[in-house]
Amino acid sequence: MSFAIILLVVWFCSVAIWLLVTGALKTADVDRIRQRLAGTQKSGRKKKKEPAAQQNLIQEEQTTSKYTVRLLQKYKVHEKLQEILDQAGLRWHPTRLAHACLGCFLGAYILVWSLADFRSIALIAGLIAGCVPFVYVWRKRAARLKKFEELFPESLEFVARSMRAGHAFSVSLEMIHREFQEPLSGEFRRTFEEHNLGLPLDMALQKLAKRVPSLDVHFFVSAVMLQKRTGGNLAEILDKLAYVIRERFKLRGRIRAVSAHGKMTGLALTCIPIGVAVILFYVNPEYAKFFFVDEVGHYMAGAAIALQLIGYGVIKKIVTIEV
């Protein structure tokens, strides 16, 4: 127990040092850029010493997280986590998410191990707490993509109107940044900057489709690339695409209303056994100890949880209809 506490304290200290070094590095970069833009950057020996200090900070930051990066790259999850963080709109490094998951796991595990009477549930509590940061990022990603899809039809109509007014397609993409809110404005601004800095329009749009994994965005990218190769009225194509997307939204709302009863049924059937188990634990704890103390009880509890998860997954699969 003391070893686990020492390990947790050492881990927290390491993460705190890493965050301090990262913050100092970012502050130094911002100050140096601000001085350069304002024309007040110092000259002389101090100017020559800054790159060496900056290099030491970068090396120290890379040293504190290189083992985590190697571990993530070994299991081929580094790029996937970075993609999820970008889609969620969080300026996090994958190592930060990994450290957060590990810290929540160790904290919950040690807390339940030291306070609970049944220490066998400490591992389960640790696993649940370790998934909390990832669930937070995933929910942020889902909310951001949902907001993007809500604004996307209006942006297509805006591009069509601006093209009819005489603007080029790339200029219309840049104008979206001033007329719409995040996250749509930021994504199209990034696409315009990539194309403006020399990246071909096809590749810039493909990168947009990769950053925003939405079927509507794939339709948009395919329509633009096809029109570029075969010709045609792009403004009219975008208007029709916006109409189709709006109709899909209406159909999706109707299906959501029809399938709401099935979702509530699946949620109720999943929560009833959990509620009965909690009530039984408080009403007759001696009877409930069988599932935590006896080996046969462990197998029965594990089988019950597995069957509940399978049943909930089957019901959710039935009521989920993709449009």
Protein backbone atom coordinates (compact mmCIF):
# COMPACT_ATOMS: atom_id res chain seq x y z
CA MET A 1 0.00 0.00 0.00
CA SER A 2 2.82 2.43 0.87
CA PHE A 3 4.60 1.54 -2.37
CA ALA A 4 1.47 2.34 -4.36
CA ILE A 5 1.10 5.72 -2.60
CA ILE A 6 4.76 6.56 -3.27
CA LEU A 7 4.31 5.56 -6.91
CA LEU A 8 1.26 7.81 -7.23
CA VAL A 9 3.09 10.77 -5.63
CA VAL A 10 6.10 10.32 -7.92
CA TRP A 11 3.82 10.15 -10.95
CA PHE A 12 2.00 13.36 -9.94
CA CYS A 13 5.30 15.14 -9.40
CA SER A 14 6.57 14.05 -12.82
CA VAL A 15 3.42 15.26 -14.55
CA ALA A 16 3.56 18.58 -12.65
CA ILE A 17 7.18 19.14 -13.72
CA TRP A 18 6.29 18.28 -17.30
CA LEU A 19 3.37 20.76 -17.29
CA LEU A 20 5.55 23.51 -15.80
CA VAL A 21 8.24 22.99 -18.43
CA THR A 22 5.66 22.98 -21.22
CA GLY A 23 4.04 26.16 -19.90
CA ALA A 24 7.42 27.89 -19.62
CA LEU A 25 8.27 26.89 -23.17
CA LYS A 26 4.97 28.21 -24.54
CA THR A 27 5.32 31.47 -22.59
CA ALA A 28 8.85 32.00 -23.91
CA ASP A 29 7.70 31.37 -27.48
CA VAL A 30 4.78 33.82 -27.15
CA ASP A 31 7.00 36.51 -25.64
CA ARG A 32 9.64 36.10 -28.33
CA ILE A 33 7.03 36.28 -31.15
CA ARG A 34 5.42 39.33 -29.53
CA GLN A 35 8.78 41.09 -29.28
CA ARG A 36 9.61 40.23 -32.88
CA LEU A 37 6.29 41.60 -34.17
CA ALA A 38 6.58 44.73 -32.05
CA GLY A 39 10.21 45.28 -33.11
CA THR A 40 11.47 45.27 -29.53
CA GLN A 41 13.51 42.08 -29.64
CA LYS A 42 16.76 42.40 -27.73
CA SER A 43 20.03 42.18 -29.61
CA GLY A 44 23.52 41.18 -28.57
CA ARG A 45 24.64 38.23 -26.54
CA LYS A 46 21.25 37.62 -24.96
CA LYS A 47 19.77 37.13 -28.41
CA LYS A 48 22.33 34.46 -29.18
CA LYS A 49 21.75 32.65 -25.90
CA GLU A 50 17.99 32.27 -26.39
CA PRO A 51 18.13 29.42 -28.94
CA ALA A 52 20.33 27.34 -26.62
CA ALA A 53 17.94 27.80 -23.68
CA GLN A 54 14.98 27.06 -25.91
CA GLN A 55 16.69 23.93 -27.20
CA ASN A 56 17.30 22.73 -23.62
CA LEU A 57 13.63 23.24 -22.76
CA ILE A 58 12.56 21.32 -25.86
CA GLN A 59 14.94 18.48 -25.07
CA GLU A 60 13.71 18.34 -21.45
CA GLU A 61 10.08 18.26 -22.60
CA GLN A 62 10.80 15.49 -25.10
CA THR A 63 12.67 13.50 -22.44
CA THR A 64 9.76 13.63 -19.99
CA SER A 65 7.29 12.20 -22.49
CA LYS A 66 9.43 10.16 -24.88
CA TYR A 67 8.74 6.88 -23.06
CA THR A 68 4.99 7.44 -23.25
CA VAL A 69 5.27 8.36 -26.94
CA ARG A 70 7.27 5.20 -27.64
CA LEU A 71 4.67 3.10 -25.84
CA LEU A 72 1.82 4.67 -27.80
CA GLN A 73 3.67 4.30 -31.09
CA LYS A 74 4.51 0.69 -30.29
CA TYR A 75 0.83 -0.23 -30.05
CA LYS A 76 -0.03 2.07 -33.02
CA VAL A 77 -2.44 4.31 -31.11
CA HIS A 78 -0.47 7.58 -31.12
CA GLU A 79 -1.77 8.82 -34.48
CA LYS A 80 -5.30 7.64 -33.72
CA LEU A 81 -5.38 9.49 -30.39
CA GLN A 82 -4.01 12.62 -32.04
CA GLU A 83 -6.72 12.40 -34.69
CA ILE A 84 -9.44 12.04 -32.03
CA LEU A 85 -8.05 15.03 -30.10
CA ASP A 86 -8.01 17.14 -33.27
CA GLN A 87 -11.59 16.18 -34.04
CA ALA A 88 -12.57 17.10 -30.47
CA GLY A 89 -10.96 20.54 -30.86
CA LEU A 90 -8.61 19.99 -27.91
CA ARG A 91 -5.01 21.13 -28.15
CA TRP A 92 -3.77 18.17 -26.17
CA HIS A 93 -0.89 15.86 -26.85
CA PRO A 94 -1.68 12.12 -26.83
CA THR A 95 0.73 11.71 -23.90
CA ARG A 96 -1.39 14.12 -21.86
CA LEU A 97 -4.48 11.98 -22.44
CA ALA A 98 -2.51 8.84 -21.54
CA HIS A 99 -1.23 10.45 -18.32
CA ALA A 100 -4.74 11.58 -17.40
CA CYS A 101 -6.13 8.05 -17.87
CA LEU A 102 -3.28 6.54 -15.86
CA GLY A 103 -3.67 9.09 -13.05
CA CYS A 104 -7.42 8.50 -12.76
CA PHE A 105 -6.85 4.74 -12.73
CA LEU A 106 -4.22 4.86 -9.97
CA GLY A 107 -6.16 7.39 -7.89
CA ALA A 108 -9.42 5.42 -7.99
CA TYR A 109 -7.64 2.10 -7.45
CA ILE A 110 -5.77 3.29 -4.34
CA LEU A 111 -8.82 5.09 -2.95
CA VAL A 112 -11.14 2.09 -3.28
CA TRP A 113 -8.41 -0.29 -2.07
CA SER A 114 -7.90 1.71 1.13
CA LEU A 115 -11.55 2.51 1.91
CA ALA A 116 -13.71 -0.33 0.58
CA ASP A 117 -14.27 -3.56 2.44
CA PHE A 118 -14.31 -5.57 -0.77
CA ARG A 119 -10.93 -4.87 -2.34
CA SER A 120 -11.72 -7.01 -5.36
CA ILE A 121 -13.74 -4.14 -6.83
CA ALA A 122 -10.74 -1.78 -6.70
CA LEU A 123 -9.59 -2.91 -10.14
CA ILE A 124 -13.06 -2.37 -11.60
CA ALA A 125 -13.26 1.10 -10.07
CA GLY A 126 -9.80 1.91 -11.41
CA LEU A 127 -10.72 0.80 -14.93
CA ILE A 128 -13.92 2.86 -14.87
CA ALA A 129 -12.10 5.95 -13.60
CA GLY A 130 -9.32 5.44 -16.14
CA CYS A 131 -11.85 5.64 -18.97
CA VAL A 132 -13.26 8.98 -17.75
CA PRO A 133 -10.74 11.26 -19.61
CA PHE A 134 -11.20 9.31 -22.84
CA VAL A 135 -15.00 9.47 -22.48
CA TYR A 136 -14.73 13.23 -21.95
CA VAL A 137 -12.67 13.62 -25.14
CA TRP A 138 -15.05 11.37 -27.07
CA ARG A 139 -18.10 13.37 -25.95
CA LYS A 140 -16.36 16.62 -26.91
CA ARG A 141 -15.63 15.10 -30.31
CA ALA A 142 -19.25 14.02 -30.80
CA ALA A 143 -20.58 17.44 -29.78
CA ARG A 144 -18.15 19.24 -32.09
CA LEU A 145 -19.00 17.04 -35.07
CA LYS A 146 -22.73 17.47 -34.40
CA LYS A 147 -22.38 21.25 -34.36
CA PHE A 148 -20.34 21.08 -37.57
CA GLU A 149 -23.05 19.07 -39.30
CA GLU A 150 -25.73 21.55 -38.20
CA LEU A 151 -23.87 24.49 -39.75
CA PHE A 152 -22.65 22.63 -42.83
CA PRO A 153 -25.76 23.04 -45.10
CA GLU A 154 -25.79 26.81 -44.53
CA SER A 155 -22.10 27.00 -45.42
CA LEU A 156 -22.74 25.17 -48.71
CA GLU A 157 -25.46 27.64 -49.62
CA PHE A 158 -23.16 30.50 -48.66
CA VAL A 159 -20.40 29.16 -50.96
CA ALA A 160 -22.92 28.79 -53.79
CA ARG A 161 -24.14 32.38 -53.37
CA SER A 162 -20.62 33.78 -53.19
CA MET A 163 -19.64 31.90 -56.36
CA ARG A 164 -22.67 33.30 -58.16
CA ALA A 165 -21.52 36.76 -57.03
CA GLY A 166 -18.21 36.22 -58.84
CA HIS A 167 -15.87 34.93 -56.12
CA ALA A 168 -13.57 31.97 -56.68
CA PHE A 169 -14.17 28.72 -54.83
CA SER A 170 -11.04 29.06 -52.69
CA VAL A 171 -11.97 32.65 -51.75
CA SER A 172 -15.44 31.44 -50.75
CA LEU A 173 -13.84 28.94 -48.39
CA GLU A 174 -11.85 31.74 -46.77
CA MET A 175 -15.00 33.88 -46.38
CA ILE A 176 -16.65 31.12 -44.34
CA HIS A 177 -14.17 31.88 -41.56
CA ARG A 178 -15.62 35.38 -41.12
CA GLU A 179 -19.30 34.49 -41.50
CA PHE A 180 -19.70 31.30 -39.46
CA GLN A 181 -18.91 30.04 -35.99
CA GLU A 182 -16.59 27.34 -34.75
CA PRO A 183 -15.93 24.53 -35.48
CA LEU A 184 -16.95 25.05 -39.11
CA SER A 185 -15.05 28.32 -39.56
CA GLY A 186 -11.81 26.90 -38.17
CA GLU A 187 -11.86 23.80 -40.35
CA PHE A 188 -12.52 25.72 -43.57
CA ARG A 189 -9.95 28.35 -42.59
CA ARG A 190 -7.39 25.59 -42.18
CA THR A 191 -8.35 24.15 -45.57
CA PHE A 192 -7.97 27.56 -47.22
CA GLU A 193 -4.58 28.17 -45.60
CA GLU A 194 -3.30 24.76 -46.70
CA HIS A 195 -4.39 25.48 -50.28
CA ASN A 196 -3.05 29.04 -50.14
CA LEU A 197 0.37 27.80 -49.01
CA GLY A 198 0.74 25.53 -52.04
CA LEU A 199 -1.18 22.34 -51.26
CA PRO A 200 -3.38 21.21 -54.17
CA LEU A 201 -7.10 21.76 -53.66
CA ASP A 202 -7.84 18.04 -53.95
CA MET A 203 -5.44 17.14 -51.15
CA ALA A 204 -6.65 20.01 -48.95
CA LEU A 205 -10.25 18.83 -49.31
CA GLN A 206 -9.24 15.22 -48.65
CA LYS A 207 -7.53 16.31 -45.44
CA LEU A 208 -10.74 18.15 -44.48
CA ALA A 209 -12.72 14.95 -45.01
CA LYS A 210 -10.22 13.08 -42.84
CA ARG A 211 -10.40 15.62 -40.01
CA VAL A 212 -14.22 15.66 -40.12
CA PRO A 213 -15.43 12.06 -40.54
CA SER A 214 -18.92 12.97 -41.72
CA LEU A 215 -20.79 11.50 -44.66
CA ASP A 216 -21.94 14.99 -45.69
CA VAL A 217 -18.37 16.25 -45.90
CA HIS A 218 -17.40 13.25 -48.03
CA PHE A 219 -20.29 14.08 -50.39
CA PHE A 220 -19.08 17.67 -50.59
CA VAL A 221 -15.47 16.70 -51.31
CA SER A 222 -16.52 14.14 -53.94
CA ALA A 223 -18.82 16.66 -55.65
CA VAL A 224 -16.11 19.34 -55.81
CA MET A 225 -13.45 16.94 -57.11
CA LEU A 226 -15.84 15.49 -59.70
CA GLN A 227 -16.86 18.95 -60.90
CA LYS A 228 -13.23 19.96 -61.19
CA ARG A 229 -12.52 17.01 -63.49
CA THR A 230 -15.69 16.96 -65.58
CA GLY A 231 -16.94 20.55 -65.37
CA GLY A 232 -20.40 21.86 -64.60
CA ASN A 233 -22.16 24.42 -62.43
CA LEU A 234 -20.64 23.98 -58.97
CA ALA A 235 -23.01 26.49 -57.35
CA GLU A 236 -26.04 24.49 -58.46
CA ILE A 237 -24.42 21.26 -57.26
CA LEU A 238 -23.79 22.74 -53.82
CA ASP A 239 -27.39 24.00 -53.56
CA LYS A 240 -28.74 20.53 -54.36
CA LEU A 241 -26.29 18.94 -51.91
CA ALA A 242 -27.45 21.32 -49.16
CA TYR A 243 -31.06 20.38 -49.92
CA VAL A 244 -30.25 16.66 -49.69
CA ILE A 245 -28.45 17.15 -46.37
CA ARG A 246 -31.41 19.04 -44.91
CA GLU A 247 -33.78 16.27 -45.99
CA ARG A 248 -31.50 13.72 -44.35
CA PHE A 249 -31.69 15.73 -41.12
CA LYS A 250 -35.49 15.67 -41.26
CA LEU A 251 -35.56 11.91 -41.88
CA ARG A 252 -33.04 11.35 -39.09
CA GLY A 253 -35.26 13.29 -36.69
CA ARG A 254 -38.29 11.20 -37.57
CA ILE A 255 -36.35 7.96 -37.08
CA ARG A 256 -35.02 9.23 -33.75
CA ALA A 257 -38.56 9.93 -32.58
CA VAL A 258 -39.80 6.48 -33.65
CA SER A 259 -36.86 4.61 -32.06
CA ALA A 260 -36.97 6.55 -28.78
CA HIS A 261 -39.25 3.94 -27.20
CA GLY A 262 -36.80 1.12 -27.99
CA LYS A 263 -33.87 3.10 -26.56
CA MET A 264 -35.75 3.79 -23.33
CA THR A 265 -36.69 0.10 -23.07
CA GLY A 266 -33.07 -0.98 -23.46
CA LEU A 267 -31.91 1.57 -20.88
CA ALA A 268 -34.57 0.47 -18.40
CA LEU A 269 -33.79 -3.22 -18.84
CA THR A 270 -30.12 -2.44 -18.22
CA CYS A 271 -30.64 -0.24 -15.16
CA ILE A 272 -33.16 -2.47 -13.35
CA PRO A 273 -30.64 -5.25 -12.47
CA ILE A 274 -28.13 -2.63 -11.31
CA GLY A 275 -30.72 -1.01 -9.07
CA VAL A 276 -31.78 -4.39 -7.65
CA ALA A 277 -28.14 -5.25 -6.90
CA VAL A 278 -27.58 -1.95 -5.06
CA ILE A 279 -30.77 -2.35 -3.03
CA LEU A 280 -29.86 -5.95 -2.18
CA PHE A 281 -26.39 -4.86 -1.08
CA TYR A 282 -27.87 -2.44 1.47
CA VAL A 283 -30.85 -4.58 2.55
CA ASN A 284 -29.07 -7.91 2.94
CA PRO A 285 -25.27 -7.41 2.70
CA GLU A 286 -24.52 -10.93 3.96
CA TYR A 287 -26.37 -12.39 1.00
CA ALA A 288 -24.66 -10.00 -1.45
CA LYS A 289 -21.18 -10.87 -0.14
CA PHE A 290 -21.46 -14.17 -1.95
CA PHE A 291 -20.75 -12.40 -5.27
CA PHE A 292 -17.61 -10.74 -3.88
CA VAL A 293 -16.14 -13.39 -1.58
CA ASP A 294 -16.91 -16.76 -3.14
CA GLU A 295 -15.16 -17.81 -6.35
CA VAL A 296 -18.40 -19.11 -7.85
CA GLY A 297 -19.98 -15.74 -7.07
CA HIS A 298 -17.22 -14.02 -9.06
CA TYR A 299 -18.05 -16.14 -12.10
CA MET A 300 -21.77 -15.52 -11.70
CA ALA A 301 -21.33 -11.75 -11.33
CA GLY A 302 -19.01 -11.64 -14.34
CA ALA A 303 -21.44 -13.68 -16.44
CA ALA A 304 -24.34 -11.42 -15.40
CA ILE A 305 -22.44 -8.24 -16.32
CA ALA A 306 -21.37 -9.74 -19.66
CA LEU A 307 -24.94 -10.78 -20.51
CA GLN A 308 -26.26 -7.33 -19.55
CA LEU A 309 -23.72 -5.65 -21.83
CA ILE A 310 -24.53 -8.02 -24.69
CA GLY A 311 -28.25 -7.44 -24.29
CA TYR A 312 -27.83 -3.66 -24.22
CA GLY A 313 -25.60 -3.82 -27.29
CA VAL A 314 -28.14 -5.92 -29.20
CA ILE A 315 -31.03 -3.57 -28.36
CA LYS A 316 -28.97 -0.52 -29.30
CA LYS A 317 -27.99 -2.15 -32.59
CA ILE A 318 -31.65 -2.83 -33.39
CA VAL A 319 -32.89 0.69 -32.66
CA THR A 320 -29.92 2.48 -34.31
CA ILE A 321 -30.75 3.22 -37.95
CA GLU A 322 -28.20 5.03 -40.08
CA VAL A 323 -29.49 7.54 -42.62
